Amino acid sequence: QQGIAITIHGVGSIRDDMMGSLTMNLLASFAEFERALIIDRTQSGRRR
């Protein structure tokens, strides 16, 4: 949002363009999956 590019060695650059948006969408999906795993582990622990 500040117009700064992020480069991860061996992965590539995340810029404010279409490829950057695609990468962000993938990261958002992983973040959502990670949240779901945390909730599932918490609920499983509570049930046990």
ModelCIF file with pLDDT and N, C-alpha, C, O atoms, coordinates in Angstrom:
data_MODEL
#
_entry.id   MODEL 
#
_entity.id                         1 
_entity.type                       polymer 
_entity.pdbx_number_of_molecules   1 
#
_entity_poly.entity_id                      1 
_entity_poly.type                           'polypeptide(L)' 
_entity_poly.nstd_linkage                   no 
_entity_poly.nstd_monomer                   no 
_entity_poly.pdbx_seq_one_letter_code       QQGIAITIHGVGSIRDDMMGSLTMNLLASFAEFERALIIDRTQSGRRR 
_entity_poly.pdbx_seq_one_letter_code_can   QQGIAITIHGVGSIRDDMMGSLTMNLLASFAEFERALIIDRTQSGRRR 
_entity_poly.pdbx_strand_id                 A 
#
loop_
_entity_poly_seq.entity_id 
_entity_poly_seq.num 
_entity_poly_seq.mon_id 
_entity_poly_seq.hetero 
1 1  GLN n 
1 2  GLN n 
1 3  GLY n 
1 4  ILE n 
1 5  ALA n 
1 6  ILE n 
1 7  THR n 
1 8  ILE n 
1 9  HIS n 
1 10 GLY n 
1 11 VAL n 
1 12 GLY n 
1 13 SER n 
1 14 ILE n 
1 15 ARG n 
1 16 ASP n 
1 17 ASP n 
1 18 MET n 
1 19 MET n 
1 20 GLY n 
1 21 SER n 
1 22 LEU n 
1 23 THR n 
1 24 MET n 
1 25 ASN n 
1 26 LEU n 
1 27 LEU n 
1 28 ALA n 
1 29 SER n 
1 30 PHE n 
1 31 ALA n 
1 32 GLU n 
1 33 PHE n 
1 34 GLU n 
1 35 ARG n 
1 36 ALA n 
1 37 LEU n 
1 38 ILE n 
1 39 ILE n 
1 40 ASP n 
1 41 ARG n 
1 42 THR n 
1 43 GLN n 
1 44 SER n 
1 45 GLY n 
1 46 ARG n 
1 47 ARG n 
1 48 ARG n 
#
_struct_asym.id          A 
_struct_asym.entity_id   1 
#
loop_
_ma_qa_metric.id 
_ma_qa_metric.mode 
_ma_qa_metric.name 
_ma_qa_metric.software_group_id 
_ma_qa_metric.type 
1 global pLDDT . pLDDT 
2 local  pLDDT . pLDDT 
#
_ma_qa_metric_global.metric_id      1 
_ma_qa_metric_global.metric_value   76.90 
_ma_qa_metric_global.model_id       1 
_ma_qa_metric_global.ordinal_id     1 
#
loop_
_ma_qa_metric_local.label_asym_id 
_ma_qa_metric_local.label_comp_id 
_ma_qa_metric_local.label_seq_id 
_ma_qa_metric_local.metric_id 
_ma_qa_metric_local.metric_value 
_ma_qa_metric_local.model_id 
_ma_qa_metric_local.ordinal_id 
A GLN 1  2 87.00 1 1  
A GLN 2  2 89.00 1 2  
A GLY 3  2 89.00 1 3  
A ILE 4  2 91.00 1 4  
A ALA 5  2 90.00 1 5  
A ILE 6  2 90.00 1 6  
A THR 7  2 89.00 1 7  
A ILE 8  2 86.00 1 8  
A HIS 9  2 86.00 1 9  
A GLY 10 2 78.00 1 10 
A VAL 11 2 76.00 1 11 
A GLY 12 2 79.00 1 12 
A SER 13 2 82.00 1 13 
A ILE 14 2 83.00 1 14 
A ARG 15 2 76.00 1 15 
A ASP 16 2 70.00 1 16 
A ASP 17 2 71.00 1 17 
A MET 18 2 74.00 1 18 
A MET 19 2 73.00 1 19 
A GLY 20 2 68.00 1 20 
A SER 21 2 74.00 1 21 
A LEU 22 2 74.00 1 22 
A THR 23 2 73.00 1 23 
A MET 24 2 72.00 1 24 
A ASN 25 2 74.00 1 25 
A LEU 26 2 76.00 1 26 
A LEU 27 2 71.00 1 27 
A ALA 28 2 64.00 1 28 
A SER 29 2 73.00 1 29 
A PHE 30 2 67.00 1 30 
A ALA 31 2 61.00 1 31 
A GLU 32 2 70.00 1 32 
A PHE 33 2 68.00 1 33 
A GLU 34 2 67.00 1 34 
A ARG 35 2 68.00 1 35 
A ALA 36 2 74.00 1 36 
A LEU 37 2 74.00 1 37 
A ILE 38 2 73.00 1 38 
A ILE 39 2 79.00 1 39 
A ASP 40 2 79.00 1 40 
A ARG 41 2 78.00 1 41 
A THR 42 2 80.00 1 42 
A GLN 43 2 81.00 1 43 
A SER 44 2 80.00 1 44 
A GLY 45 2 78.00 1 45 
A ARG 46 2 78.00 1 46 
A ARG 47 2 78.00 1 47 
A ARG 48 2 80.00 1 48 
#
loop_
_atom_site.group_PDB 
_atom_site.id 
_atom_site.type_symbol 
_atom_site.label_atom_id 
_atom_site.label_alt_id 
_atom_site.label_comp_id 
_atom_site.label_asym_id 
_atom_site.label_entity_id 
_atom_site.label_seq_id 
_atom_site.pdbx_PDB_ins_code 
_atom_site.Cartn_x 
_atom_site.Cartn_y 
_atom_site.Cartn_z 
_atom_site.occupancy 
_atom_site.B_iso_or_equiv 
_atom_site.pdbx_formal_charge 
_atom_site.auth_seq_id 
_atom_site.auth_comp_id 
_atom_site.auth_asym_id 
_atom_site.auth_atom_id 
_atom_site.pdbx_PDB_model_num 
ATOM 1   N N  . GLN A 1 1  ? 0.824   -1.215  0.000   1.00 87.00 ? 1  GLN A N  1 
ATOM 2   C CA . GLN A 1 1  ? 0.000   0.000   0.000   1.00 87.00 ? 1  GLN A CA 1 
ATOM 3   C C  . GLN A 1 1  ? 0.853   1.259   0.000   1.00 87.00 ? 1  GLN A C  1 
ATOM 4   O O  . GLN A 1 1  ? 0.411   2.320   -0.439  1.00 87.00 ? 1  GLN A O  1 
ATOM 5   N N  . GLN A 1 2  ? 2.081   1.133   0.497   1.00 89.00 ? 2  GLN A N  1 
ATOM 6   C CA . GLN A 1 2  ? 3.008   2.273   0.506   1.00 89.00 ? 2  GLN A CA 1 
ATOM 7   C C  . GLN A 1 2  ? 3.857   2.334   -0.766  1.00 89.00 ? 2  GLN A C  1 
ATOM 8   O O  . GLN A 1 2  ? 4.717   3.205   -0.903  1.00 89.00 ? 2  GLN A O  1 
ATOM 9   N N  . GLY A 1 3  ? 3.610   1.403   -1.693  1.00 89.00 ? 3  GLY A N  1 
ATOM 10  C CA . GLY A 1 3  ? 4.382   1.400   -2.936  1.00 89.00 ? 3  GLY A CA 1 
ATOM 11  C C  . GLY A 1 3  ? 5.750   0.787   -2.791  1.00 89.00 ? 3  GLY A C  1 
ATOM 12  O O  . GLY A 1 3  ? 6.665   1.128   -3.539  1.00 89.00 ? 3  GLY A O  1 
ATOM 13  N N  . ILE A 1 4  ? 5.907   -0.120  -1.833  1.00 91.00 ? 4  ILE A N  1 
ATOM 14  C CA . ILE A 1 4  ? 7.193   -0.779  -1.581  1.00 91.00 ? 4  ILE A CA 1 
ATOM 15  C C  . ILE A 1 4  ? 7.123   -2.211  -2.094  1.00 91.00 ? 4  ILE A C  1 
ATOM 16  O O  . ILE A 1 4  ? 6.172   -2.933  -1.792  1.00 91.00 ? 4  ILE A O  1 
ATOM 17  N N  . ALA A 1 5  ? 8.121   -2.627  -2.866  1.00 90.00 ? 5  ALA A N  1 
ATOM 18  C CA . ALA A 1 5  ? 8.177   -3.994  -3.388  1.00 90.00 ? 5  ALA A CA 1 
ATOM 19  C C  . ALA A 1 5  ? 8.840   -4.896  -2.356  1.00 90.00 ? 5  ALA A C  1 
ATOM 20  O O  . ALA A 1 5  ? 9.736   -4.471  -1.626  1.00 90.00 ? 5  ALA A O  1 
ATOM 21  N N  . ILE A 1 6  ? 8.389   -6.146  -2.304  1.00 90.00 ? 6  ILE A N  1 
ATOM 22  C CA . ILE A 1 6  ? 8.966   -7.132  -1.384  1.00 90.00 ? 6  ILE A CA 1 
ATOM 23  C C  . ILE A 1 6  ? 9.528   -8.270  -2.207  1.00 90.00 ? 6  ILE A C  1 
ATOM 24  O O  . ILE A 1 6  ? 8.811   -8.869  -3.008  1.00 90.00 ? 6  ILE A O  1 
ATOM 25  N N  . THR A 1 7  ? 10.800  -8.575  -2.021  1.00 89.00 ? 7  THR A N  1 
ATOM 26  C CA . THR A 1 7  ? 11.435  -9.684  -2.735  1.00 89.00 ? 7  THR A CA 1 
ATOM 27  C C  . THR A 1 7  ? 11.848  -10.763 -1.753  1.00 89.00 ? 7  THR A C  1 
ATOM 28  O O  . THR A 1 7  ? 12.598  -10.504 -0.813  1.00 89.00 ? 7  THR A O  1 
ATOM 29  N N  . ILE A 1 8  ? 11.352  -11.986 -1.977  1.00 86.00 ? 8  ILE A N  1 
ATOM 30  C CA . ILE A 1 8  ? 11.741  -13.139 -1.168  1.00 86.00 ? 8  ILE A CA 1 
ATOM 31  C C  . ILE A 1 8  ? 12.672  -13.980 -2.013  1.00 86.00 ? 8  ILE A C  1 
ATOM 32  O O  . ILE A 1 8  ? 12.288  -14.446 -3.085  1.00 86.00 ? 8  ILE A O  1 
ATOM 33  N N  . HIS A 1 9  ? 13.895  -14.180 -1.543  1.00 86.00 ? 9  HIS A N  1 
ATOM 34  C CA . HIS A 1 9  ? 14.897  -14.915 -2.310  1.00 86.00 ? 9  HIS A CA 1 
ATOM 35  C C  . HIS A 1 9  ? 14.389  -16.315 -2.657  1.00 86.00 ? 9  HIS A C  1 
ATOM 36  O O  . HIS A 1 9  ? 13.911  -17.050 -1.793  1.00 86.00 ? 9  HIS A O  1 
ATOM 37  N N  . GLY A 1 10 ? 14.501  -16.662 -3.920  1.00 78.00 ? 10 GLY A N  1 
ATOM 38  C CA . GLY A 1 10 ? 14.065  -17.976 -4.379  1.00 78.00 ? 10 GLY A CA 1 
ATOM 39  C C  . GLY A 1 10 ? 12.593  -18.066 -4.679  1.00 78.00 ? 10 GLY A C  1 
ATOM 40  O O  . GLY A 1 10 ? 12.126  -19.076 -5.205  1.00 78.00 ? 10 GLY A O  1 
ATOM 41  N N  . VAL A 1 11 ? 11.845  -17.013 -4.349  1.00 76.00 ? 11 VAL A N  1 
ATOM 42  C CA . VAL A 1 11 ? 10.392  -16.984 -4.622  1.00 76.00 ? 11 VAL A CA 1 
ATOM 43  C C  . VAL A 1 11 ? 10.064  -15.947 -5.678  1.00 76.00 ? 11 VAL A C  1 
ATOM 44  O O  . VAL A 1 11 ? 9.365   -16.233 -6.650  1.00 76.00 ? 11 VAL A O  1 
ATOM 45  N N  . GLY A 1 12 ? 10.576  -14.736 -5.480  1.00 79.00 ? 12 GLY A N  1 
ATOM 46  C CA . GLY A 1 12 ? 10.316  -13.661 -6.439  1.00 79.00 ? 12 GLY A CA 1 
ATOM 47  C C  . GLY A 1 12 ? 9.868   -12.397 -5.738  1.00 79.00 ? 12 GLY A C  1 
ATOM 48  O O  . GLY A 1 12 ? 9.916   -12.300 -4.512  1.00 79.00 ? 12 GLY A O  1 
ATOM 49  N N  . SER A 1 13 ? 9.431   -11.428 -6.529  1.00 82.00 ? 13 SER A N  1 
ATOM 50  C CA . SER A 1 13 ? 9.026   -10.126 -6.002  1.00 82.00 ? 13 SER A CA 1 
ATOM 51  C C  . SER A 1 13 ? 7.513   -10.006 -5.929  1.00 82.00 ? 13 SER A C  1 
ATOM 52  O O  . SER A 1 13 ? 6.790   -10.489 -6.800  1.00 82.00 ? 13 SER A O  1 
ATOM 53  N N  . ILE A 1 14 ? 7.057   -9.356  -4.877  1.00 83.00 ? 14 ILE A N  1 
ATOM 54  C CA . ILE A 1 14 ? 5.638   -9.057  -4.703  1.00 83.00 ? 14 ILE A CA 1 
ATOM 55  C C  . ILE A 1 14 ? 5.499   -7.548  -4.845  1.00 83.00 ? 14 ILE A C  1 
ATOM 56  O O  . ILE A 1 14 ? 5.911   -6.783  -3.972  1.00 83.00 ? 14 ILE A O  1 
ATOM 57  N N  . ARG A 1 15 ? 4.913   -7.141  -5.955  1.00 76.00 ? 15 ARG A N  1 
ATOM 58  C CA . ARG A 1 15 ? 4.750   -5.719  -6.227  1.00 76.00 ? 15 ARG A CA 1 
ATOM 59  C C  . ARG A 1 15 ? 3.273   -5.359  -6.317  1.00 76.00 ? 15 ARG A C  1 
ATOM 60  O O  . ARG A 1 15 ? 2.402   -6.222  -6.201  1.00 76.00 ? 15 ARG A O  1 
ATOM 61  N N  . ASP A 1 16 ? 3.008   -4.093  -6.521  1.00 70.00 ? 16 ASP A N  1 
ATOM 62  C CA . ASP A 1 16 ? 1.620   -3.645  -6.640  1.00 70.00 ? 16 ASP A CA 1 
ATOM 63  C C  . ASP A 1 16 ? 1.154   -3.825  -8.081  1.00 70.00 ? 16 ASP A C  1 
ATOM 64  O O  . ASP A 1 16 ? 0.873   -2.855  -8.784  1.00 70.00 ? 16 ASP A O  1 
ATOM 65  N N  . ASP A 1 17 ? 1.075   -5.098  -8.510  1.00 71.00 ? 17 ASP A N  1 
ATOM 66  C CA . ASP A 1 17 ? 0.629   -5.404  -9.865  1.00 71.00 ? 17 ASP A CA 1 
ATOM 67  C C  . ASP A 1 17 ? -0.207  -6.689  -9.833  1.00 71.00 ? 17 ASP A C  1 
ATOM 68  O O  . ASP A 1 17 ? -0.542  -7.183  -8.757  1.00 71.00 ? 17 ASP A O  1 
ATOM 69  N N  . MET A 1 18 ? -0.544  -7.230  -11.013 1.00 74.00 ? 18 MET A N  1 
ATOM 70  C CA . MET A 1 18 ? -1.415  -8.404  -11.069 1.00 74.00 ? 18 MET A CA 1 
ATOM 71  C C  . MET A 1 18 ? -0.790  -9.617  -10.387 1.00 74.00 ? 18 MET A C  1 
ATOM 72  O O  . MET A 1 18 ? -1.470  -10.325 -9.644  1.00 74.00 ? 18 MET A O  1 
ATOM 73  N N  . MET A 1 19 ? 0.499   -9.866  -10.632 1.00 73.00 ? 19 MET A N  1 
ATOM 74  C CA . MET A 1 19 ? 1.170   -11.010 -10.015 1.00 73.00 ? 19 MET A CA 1 
ATOM 75  C C  . MET A 1 19 ? 1.254   -10.841 -8.500  1.00 73.00 ? 19 MET A C  1 
ATOM 76  O O  . MET A 1 19 ? 1.135   -11.803 -7.741  1.00 73.00 ? 19 MET A O  1 
ATOM 77  N N  . GLY A 1 20 ? 1.462   -9.600  -8.084  1.00 68.00 ? 20 GLY A N  1 
ATOM 78  C CA . GLY A 1 20 ? 1.493   -9.326  -6.651  1.00 68.00 ? 20 GLY A CA 1 
ATOM 79  C C  . GLY A 1 20 ? 0.150   -9.597  -6.005  1.00 68.00 ? 20 GLY A C  1 
ATOM 80  O O  . GLY A 1 20 ? 0.076   -10.138 -4.901  1.00 68.00 ? 20 GLY A O  1 
ATOM 81  N N  . SER A 1 21 ? -0.919  -9.217  -6.705  1.00 74.00 ? 21 SER A N  1 
ATOM 82  C CA . SER A 1 21 ? -2.270  -9.463  -6.190  1.00 74.00 ? 21 SER A CA 1 
ATOM 83  C C  . SER A 1 21 ? -2.548  -10.961 -6.106  1.00 74.00 ? 21 SER A C  1 
ATOM 84  O O  . SER A 1 21 ? -3.170  -11.426 -5.151  1.00 74.00 ? 21 SER A O  1 
ATOM 85  N N  . LEU A 1 22 ? -2.085  -11.722 -7.111  1.00 74.00 ? 22 LEU A N  1 
ATOM 86  C CA . LEU A 1 22 ? -2.265  -13.177 -7.098  1.00 74.00 ? 22 LEU A CA 1 
ATOM 87  C C  . LEU A 1 22 ? -1.543  -13.792 -5.895  1.00 74.00 ? 22 LEU A C  1 
ATOM 88  O O  . LEU A 1 22 ? -2.093  -14.649 -5.203  1.00 74.00 ? 22 LEU A O  1 
ATOM 89  N N  . THR A 1 23 ? -0.313  -13.348 -5.656  1.00 73.00 ? 23 THR A N  1 
ATOM 90  C CA . THR A 1 23 ? 0.451   -13.854 -4.518  1.00 73.00 ? 23 THR A CA 1 
ATOM 91  C C  . THR A 1 23 ? -0.243  -13.528 -3.208  1.00 73.00 ? 23 THR A C  1 
ATOM 92  O O  . THR A 1 23 ? -0.281  -14.354 -2.296  1.00 73.00 ? 23 THR A O  1 
ATOM 93  N N  . MET A 1 24 ? -0.799  -12.311 -3.115  1.00 72.00 ? 24 MET A N  1 
ATOM 94  C CA . MET A 1 24 ? -1.501  -11.910 -1.896  1.00 72.00 ? 24 MET A CA 1 
ATOM 95  C C  . MET A 1 24 ? -2.738  -12.768 -1.671  1.00 72.00 ? 24 MET A C  1 
ATOM 96  O O  . MET A 1 24 ? -3.052  -13.135 -0.539  1.00 72.00 ? 24 MET A O  1 
ATOM 97  N N  . ASN A 1 25 ? -3.439  -13.084 -2.756  1.00 74.00 ? 25 ASN A N  1 
ATOM 98  C CA . ASN A 1 25 ? -4.633  -13.945 -2.631  1.00 74.00 ? 25 ASN A CA 1 
ATOM 99  C C  . ASN A 1 25 ? -4.251  -15.334 -2.130  1.00 74.00 ? 25 ASN A C  1 
ATOM 100 O O  . ASN A 1 25 ? -4.963  -15.932 -1.324  1.00 74.00 ? 25 ASN A O  1 
ATOM 101 N N  . LEU A 1 26 ? -3.111  -15.841 -2.619  1.00 76.00 ? 26 LEU A N  1 
ATOM 102 C CA . LEU A 1 26 ? -2.647  -17.154 -2.162  1.00 76.00 ? 26 LEU A CA 1 
ATOM 103 C C  . LEU A 1 26 ? -2.273  -17.110 -0.679  1.00 76.00 ? 26 LEU A C  1 
ATOM 104 O O  . LEU A 1 26 ? -2.610  -18.015 0.084   1.00 76.00 ? 26 LEU A O  1 
ATOM 105 N N  . LEU A 1 27 ? -1.567  -16.036 -0.282  1.00 71.00 ? 27 LEU A N  1 
ATOM 106 C CA . LEU A 1 27 ? -1.198  -15.890 1.119   1.00 71.00 ? 27 LEU A CA 1 
ATOM 107 C C  . LEU A 1 27 ? -2.433  -15.765 2.008   1.00 71.00 ? 27 LEU A C  1 
ATOM 108 O O  . LEU A 1 27 ? -2.473  -16.314 3.109   1.00 71.00 ? 27 LEU A O  1 
ATOM 109 N N  . ALA A 1 28 ? -3.450  -15.031 1.516   1.00 64.00 ? 28 ALA A N  1 
ATOM 110 C CA . ALA A 1 28 ? -4.694  -14.871 2.271   1.00 64.00 ? 28 ALA A CA 1 
ATOM 111 C C  . ALA A 1 28 ? -5.379  -16.222 2.461   1.00 64.00 ? 28 ALA A C  1 
ATOM 112 O O  . ALA A 1 28 ? -5.939  -16.497 3.523   1.00 64.00 ? 28 ALA A O  1 
ATOM 113 N N  . SER A 1 29 ? -5.331  -17.067 1.424   1.00 73.00 ? 29 SER A N  1 
ATOM 114 C CA . SER A 1 29 ? -5.918  -18.404 1.522   1.00 73.00 ? 29 SER A CA 1 
ATOM 115 C C  . SER A 1 29 ? -5.192  -19.242 2.561   1.00 73.00 ? 29 SER A C  1 
ATOM 116 O O  . SER A 1 29 ? -5.819  -19.948 3.351   1.00 73.00 ? 29 SER A O  1 
ATOM 117 N N  . PHE A 1 30 ? -3.845  -19.158 2.557   1.00 67.00 ? 30 PHE A N  1 
ATOM 118 C CA . PHE A 1 30 ? -3.059  -19.887 3.556   1.00 67.00 ? 30 PHE A CA 1 
ATOM 119 C C  . PHE A 1 30 ? -3.366  -19.374 4.966   1.00 67.00 ? 30 PHE A C  1 
ATOM 120 O O  . PHE A 1 30 ? -3.449  -20.155 5.914   1.00 67.00 ? 30 PHE A O  1 
ATOM 121 N N  . ALA A 1 31 ? -3.536  -18.038 5.094   1.00 61.00 ? 31 ALA A N  1 
ATOM 122 C CA . ALA A 1 31 ? -3.833  -17.452 6.401   1.00 61.00 ? 31 ALA A CA 1 
ATOM 123 C C  . ALA A 1 31 ? -5.184  -17.947 6.913   1.00 61.00 ? 31 ALA A C  1 
ATOM 124 O O  . ALA A 1 31 ? -5.332  -18.260 8.094   1.00 61.00 ? 31 ALA A O  1 
ATOM 125 N N  . GLU A 1 32 ? -6.165  -18.014 6.017   1.00 70.00 ? 32 GLU A N  1 
ATOM 126 C CA . GLU A 1 32 ? -7.495  -18.500 6.393   1.00 70.00 ? 32 GLU A CA 1 
ATOM 127 C C  . GLU A 1 32 ? -7.429  -19.967 6.811   1.00 70.00 ? 32 GLU A C  1 
ATOM 128 O O  . GLU A 1 32 ? -8.070  -20.379 7.778   1.00 70.00 ? 32 GLU A O  1 
ATOM 129 N N  . PHE A 1 33 ? -6.646  -20.745 6.070   1.00 68.00 ? 33 PHE A N  1 
ATOM 130 C CA . PHE A 1 33 ? -6.468  -22.165 6.396   1.00 68.00 ? 33 PHE A CA 1 
ATOM 131 C C  . PHE A 1 33 ? -5.801  -22.317 7.761   1.00 68.00 ? 33 PHE A C  1 
ATOM 132 O O  . PHE A 1 33 ? -6.176  -23.176 8.559   1.00 68.00 ? 33 PHE A O  1 
ATOM 133 N N  . GLU A 1 34 ? -4.809  -21.470 8.013   1.00 67.00 ? 34 GLU A N  1 
ATOM 134 C CA . GLU A 1 34 ? -4.090  -21.504 9.287   1.00 67.00 ? 34 GLU A CA 1 
ATOM 135 C C  . GLU A 1 34 ? -5.029  -21.174 10.442  1.00 67.00 ? 34 GLU A C  1 
ATOM 136 O O  . GLU A 1 34 ? -4.978  -21.820 11.488  1.00 67.00 ? 34 GLU A O  1 
ATOM 137 N N  . ARG A 1 35 ? -5.898  -20.157 10.254  1.00 68.00 ? 35 ARG A N  1 
ATOM 138 C CA . ARG A 1 35 ? -6.875  -19.796 11.283  1.00 68.00 ? 35 ARG A CA 1 
ATOM 139 C C  . ARG A 1 35 ? -7.816  -20.953 11.564  1.00 68.00 ? 35 ARG A C  1 
ATOM 140 O O  . ARG A 1 35 ? -8.119  -21.258 12.718  1.00 68.00 ? 35 ARG A O  1 
ATOM 141 N N  . ALA A 1 36 ? -8.284  -21.605 10.480  1.00 74.00 ? 36 ALA A N  1 
ATOM 142 C CA . ALA A 1 36 ? -9.205  -22.738 10.625  1.00 74.00 ? 36 ALA A CA 1 
ATOM 143 C C  . ALA A 1 36 ? -8.551  -23.877 11.408  1.00 74.00 ? 36 ALA A C  1 
ATOM 144 O O  . ALA A 1 36 ? -9.201  -24.517 12.234  1.00 74.00 ? 36 ALA A O  1 
ATOM 145 N N  . LEU A 1 37 ? -7.256  -24.131 11.146  1.00 74.00 ? 37 LEU A N  1 
ATOM 146 C CA . LEU A 1 37 ? -6.536  -25.186 11.875  1.00 74.00 ? 37 LEU A CA 1 
ATOM 147 C C  . LEU A 1 37 ? -6.439  -24.859 13.360  1.00 74.00 ? 37 LEU A C  1 
ATOM 148 O O  . LEU A 1 37 ? -6.614  -25.734 14.208  1.00 74.00 ? 37 LEU A O  1 
ATOM 149 N N  . ILE A 1 38 ? -6.158  -23.597 13.671  1.00 73.00 ? 38 ILE A N  1 
ATOM 150 C CA . ILE A 1 38 ? -6.044  -23.177 15.071  1.00 73.00 ? 38 ILE A CA 1 
ATOM 151 C C  . ILE A 1 38 ? -7.377  -23.361 15.789  1.00 73.00 ? 38 ILE A C  1 
ATOM 152 O O  . ILE A 1 38 ? -7.420  -23.880 16.905  1.00 73.00 ? 38 ILE A O  1 
ATOM 153 N N  . ILE A 1 39 ? -8.469  -22.931 15.145  1.00 79.00 ? 39 ILE A N  1 
ATOM 154 C CA . ILE A 1 39 ? -9.803  -23.068 15.739  1.00 79.00 ? 39 ILE A CA 1 
ATOM 155 C C  . ILE A 1 39 ? -10.148 -24.540 15.953  1.00 79.00 ? 39 ILE A C  1 
ATOM 156 O O  . ILE A 1 39 ? -10.678 -24.925 16.995  1.00 79.00 ? 39 ILE A O  1 
ATOM 157 N N  . ASP A 1 40 ? -9.832  -25.359 14.937  1.00 79.00 ? 40 ASP A N  1 
ATOM 158 C CA . ASP A 1 40 ? -10.126 -26.792 15.030  1.00 79.00 ? 40 ASP A CA 1 
ATOM 159 C C  . ASP A 1 40 ? -9.345  -27.445 16.172  1.00 79.00 ? 40 ASP A C  1 
ATOM 160 O O  . ASP A 1 40 ? -9.889  -28.261 16.915  1.00 79.00 ? 40 ASP A O  1 
ATOM 161 N N  . ARG A 1 41 ? -8.056  -27.077 16.307  1.00 78.00 ? 41 ARG A N  1 
ATOM 162 C CA . ARG A 1 41 ? -7.241  -27.643 17.384  1.00 78.00 ? 41 ARG A CA 1 
ATOM 163 C C  . ARG A 1 41 ? -7.769  -27.216 18.748  1.00 78.00 ? 41 ARG A C  1 
ATOM 164 O O  . ARG A 1 41 ? -7.793  -28.008 19.690  1.00 78.00 ? 41 ARG A O  1 
ATOM 165 N N  . THR A 1 42 ? -8.194  -25.950 18.847  1.00 80.00 ? 42 THR A N  1 
ATOM 166 C CA . THR A 1 42 ? -8.722  -25.428 20.113  1.00 80.00 ? 42 THR A CA 1 
ATOM 167 C C  . THR A 1 42 ? -10.001 -26.159 20.511  1.00 80.00 ? 42 THR A C  1 
ATOM 168 O O  . THR A 1 42 ? -10.165 -26.573 21.658  1.00 80.00 ? 42 THR A O  1 
ATOM 169 N N  . GLN A 1 43 ? -10.904 -26.309 19.538  1.00 81.00 ? 43 GLN A N  1 
ATOM 170 C CA . GLN A 1 43 ? -12.173 -26.979 19.827  1.00 81.00 ? 43 GLN A CA 1 
ATOM 171 C C  . GLN A 1 43 ? -11.967 -28.454 20.154  1.00 81.00 ? 43 GLN A C  1 
ATOM 172 O O  . GLN A 1 43 ? -12.640 -28.996 21.031  1.00 81.00 ? 43 GLN A O  1 
ATOM 173 N N  . SER A 1 44 ? -11.032 -29.111 19.449  1.00 80.00 ? 44 SER A N  1 
ATOM 174 C CA . SER A 1 44 ? -10.739 -30.521 19.721  1.00 80.00 ? 44 SER A CA 1 
ATOM 175 C C  . SER A 1 44 ? -10.179 -30.690 21.134  1.00 80.00 ? 44 SER A C  1 
ATOM 176 O O  . SER A 1 44 ? -10.549 -31.615 21.856  1.00 80.00 ? 44 SER A O  1 
ATOM 177 N N  . GLY A 1 45 ? -9.281  -29.779 21.512  1.00 78.00 ? 45 GLY A N  1 
ATOM 178 C CA . GLY A 1 45 ? -8.707  -29.816 22.856  1.00 78.00 ? 45 GLY A CA 1 
ATOM 179 C C  . GLY A 1 45 ? -9.767  -29.590 23.922  1.00 78.00 ? 45 GLY A C  1 
ATOM 180 O O  . GLY A 1 45 ? -9.741  -30.223 24.977  1.00 78.00 ? 45 GLY A O  1 
ATOM 181 N N  . ARG A 1 46 ? -10.700 -28.684 23.644  1.00 78.00 ? 46 ARG A N  1 
ATOM 182 C CA . ARG A 1 46 ? -11.792 -28.404 24.587  1.00 78.00 ? 46 ARG A CA 1 
ATOM 183 C C  . ARG A 1 46 ? -12.686 -29.629 24.765  1.00 78.00 ? 46 ARG A C  1 
ATOM 184 O O  . ARG A 1 46 ? -13.073 -29.970 25.882  1.00 78.00 ? 46 ARG A O  1 
ATOM 185 N N  . ARG A 1 47 ? -13.011 -30.290 23.638  1.00 78.00 ? 47 ARG A N  1 
ATOM 186 C CA . ARG A 1 47 ? -13.872 -31.476 23.711  1.00 78.00 ? 47 ARG A CA 1 
ATOM 187 C C  . ARG A 1 47 ? -13.190 -32.599 24.499  1.00 78.00 ? 47 ARG A C  1 
ATOM 188 O O  . ARG A 1 47 ? -13.834 -33.284 25.294  1.00 78.00 ? 47 ARG A O  1 
ATOM 189 N N  . ARG A 1 48 ? -11.877 -32.783 24.275  1.00 80.00 ? 48 ARG A N  1 
ATOM 190 C CA . ARG A 1 48 ? -11.141 -33.815 25.006  1.00 80.00 ? 48 ARG A CA 1 
ATOM 191 C C  . ARG A 1 48 ? -11.115 -33.517 26.508  1.00 80.00 ? 48 ARG A C  1 
ATOM 192 O O  . ARG A 1 48 ? -10.537 -34.283 27.279  1.00 80.00 ? 48 ARG A O  1 
#
